[in-house]
Amino acid sequence: MADQRLTAQMQVDALRRWAEGAGGFAMVLKKGDVTSGQILAILLEKGDNPRLFGRQMAADFTYQWGEVVLTGTMADYLSRARARDPDLWIIELDVANPAQLIAQLAVMD
């Protein structure tokens, strides 16, 4: 059976369209591997309250989105993540209703 998952590029494009369709703003800060790159999403609410979400492989080998628990600053985390993973995507999403976008992440994979 063929793999039916969306490519990383398609998921990033979908996130961008959802944010812009909701009257928000989206910007790809770093492009990664088109097919299977890891994705980190910086989610802002009208420019404030930045939260970081990542797409991770779960124990059942499916991808799931979850909030990244930071032990330092977000900038330090992103710098380390970029250094260890050249295929990483980073997208910033600024929306009025982040809970709605978080719900979209849950059904994306």
Protein backbone atom coordinates (compact mmCIF):
# COMPACT_ATOMS: atom_id res chain seq x y z
CA MET A 1 0.00 0.00 0.00
CA ALA A 2 1.36 3.43 -0.93
CA ASP A 3 2.09 6.03 1.72
CA GLN A 4 -0.89 8.41 1.83
CA ARG A 5 0.61 11.17 4.02
CA LEU A 6 0.81 14.73 2.79
CA THR A 7 4.28 16.00 2.02
CA ALA A 8 5.89 18.53 4.34
CA GLN A 9 5.55 21.20 1.64
CA MET A 10 1.81 20.50 1.33
CA GLN A 11 1.32 20.72 5.09
CA VAL A 12 3.22 24.01 5.33
CA ASP A 13 1.19 25.40 2.41
CA ALA A 14 -2.04 24.28 4.11
CA LEU A 15 -1.03 25.96 7.39
CA ARG A 16 -0.24 29.16 5.52
CA ARG A 17 -3.58 29.11 3.70
CA TRP A 18 -5.54 28.39 6.92
CA ALA A 19 -3.88 31.30 8.72
CA GLU A 20 -4.41 33.70 5.83
CA GLY A 21 -7.98 32.46 5.30
CA ALA A 22 -8.71 33.27 8.94
CA GLY A 23 -7.50 36.84 8.41
CA GLY A 24 -4.07 36.14 9.88
CA PHE A 25 -0.53 36.18 8.58
CA ALA A 26 1.90 33.39 7.77
CA MET A 27 5.56 33.38 6.82
CA VAL A 28 7.89 30.49 6.09
CA LEU A 29 11.05 31.31 8.06
CA LYS A 30 13.00 28.26 6.88
CA LYS A 31 12.30 25.85 4.05
CA GLY A 32 13.12 22.23 4.64
CA ASP A 33 12.90 18.96 2.75
CA VAL A 34 9.89 19.11 0.44
CA THR A 35 8.81 15.53 1.06
CA SER A 36 9.47 14.63 4.66
CA GLY A 37 11.05 17.49 6.56
CA GLN A 38 10.18 18.05 10.21
CA ILE A 39 7.87 21.07 10.72
CA LEU A 40 7.93 23.56 13.57
CA ALA A 41 5.15 26.16 13.74
CA ILE A 42 5.47 29.34 15.79
CA LEU A 43 1.92 30.33 16.68
CA LEU A 44 1.18 33.90 17.72
CA GLU A 45 -2.05 35.58 18.72
CA LYS A 46 -2.13 39.06 17.16
CA GLY A 47 1.64 39.32 17.52
CA ASP A 48 1.78 38.18 21.15
CA ASN A 49 2.03 35.00 23.22
CA PRO A 50 4.34 32.94 20.97
CA ARG A 51 3.93 29.17 21.28
CA LEU A 52 5.87 26.51 19.43
CA PHE A 53 4.26 23.42 17.93
CA GLY A 54 5.96 20.51 16.25
CA ARG A 55 4.98 17.54 14.18
CA GLN A 56 6.41 14.44 15.83
CA MET A 57 6.23 10.73 15.12
CA ALA A 58 4.14 8.95 17.74
CA ALA A 59 4.65 5.45 19.12
CA ASP A 60 2.23 4.04 16.51
CA PHE A 61 4.38 5.53 13.71
CA THR A 62 1.86 8.23 12.83
CA TYR A 63 2.59 11.93 12.98
CA GLN A 64 0.92 14.08 15.59
CA TRP A 65 1.17 17.76 16.40
CA GLY A 66 1.93 18.90 19.91
CA GLU A 67 3.19 21.94 21.77
CA VAL A 68 6.96 21.94 22.29
CA VAL A 69 8.00 22.36 25.91
CA LEU A 70 10.88 24.83 25.95
CA THR A 71 13.62 24.65 28.56
CA GLY A 72 15.26 27.87 27.37
CA THR A 73 14.30 30.59 24.95
CA MET A 74 12.47 29.85 21.74
CA ALA A 75 15.32 31.43 19.76
CA ASP A 76 17.84 29.06 21.35
CA TYR A 77 15.62 26.05 20.70
CA LEU A 78 15.12 27.01 17.04
CA SER A 79 18.83 27.62 16.58
CA ARG A 80 19.68 24.17 17.95
CA ALA A 81 16.92 22.53 15.91
CA ARG A 82 18.18 24.15 12.70
CA ALA A 83 21.76 23.07 13.44
CA ARG A 84 20.87 19.42 13.94
CA ASP A 85 18.23 19.09 11.17
CA PRO A 86 18.93 20.70 7.78
CA ASP A 87 15.57 19.37 6.49
CA LEU A 88 13.58 21.34 9.11
CA TRP A 89 10.73 23.68 8.15
CA ILE A 90 9.89 26.65 10.39
CA ILE A 91 6.69 28.59 9.78
CA GLU A 92 5.30 31.52 11.77
CA LEU A 93 1.53 31.87 11.99
CA ASP A 94 -0.11 34.94 13.48
CA VAL A 95 -3.87 34.56 13.93
CA ALA A 96 -6.66 36.06 16.02
CA ASN A 97 -7.91 32.65 17.21
CA PRO A 98 -4.99 30.27 17.78
CA ALA A 99 -7.23 27.59 19.33
CA GLN A 100 -8.94 27.16 15.98
CA LEU A 101 -5.60 26.70 14.21
CA ILE A 102 -4.42 24.25 16.89
CA ALA A 103 -7.58 22.21 16.21
CA GLN A 104 -6.65 22.18 12.51
CA LEU A 105 -3.20 20.82 13.38
CA ALA A 106 -4.80 17.92 15.24
CA VAL A 107 -6.67 16.73 12.15
CA MET A 108 -3.94 17.47 9.62
CA ASP A 109 -2.16 14.11 9.76
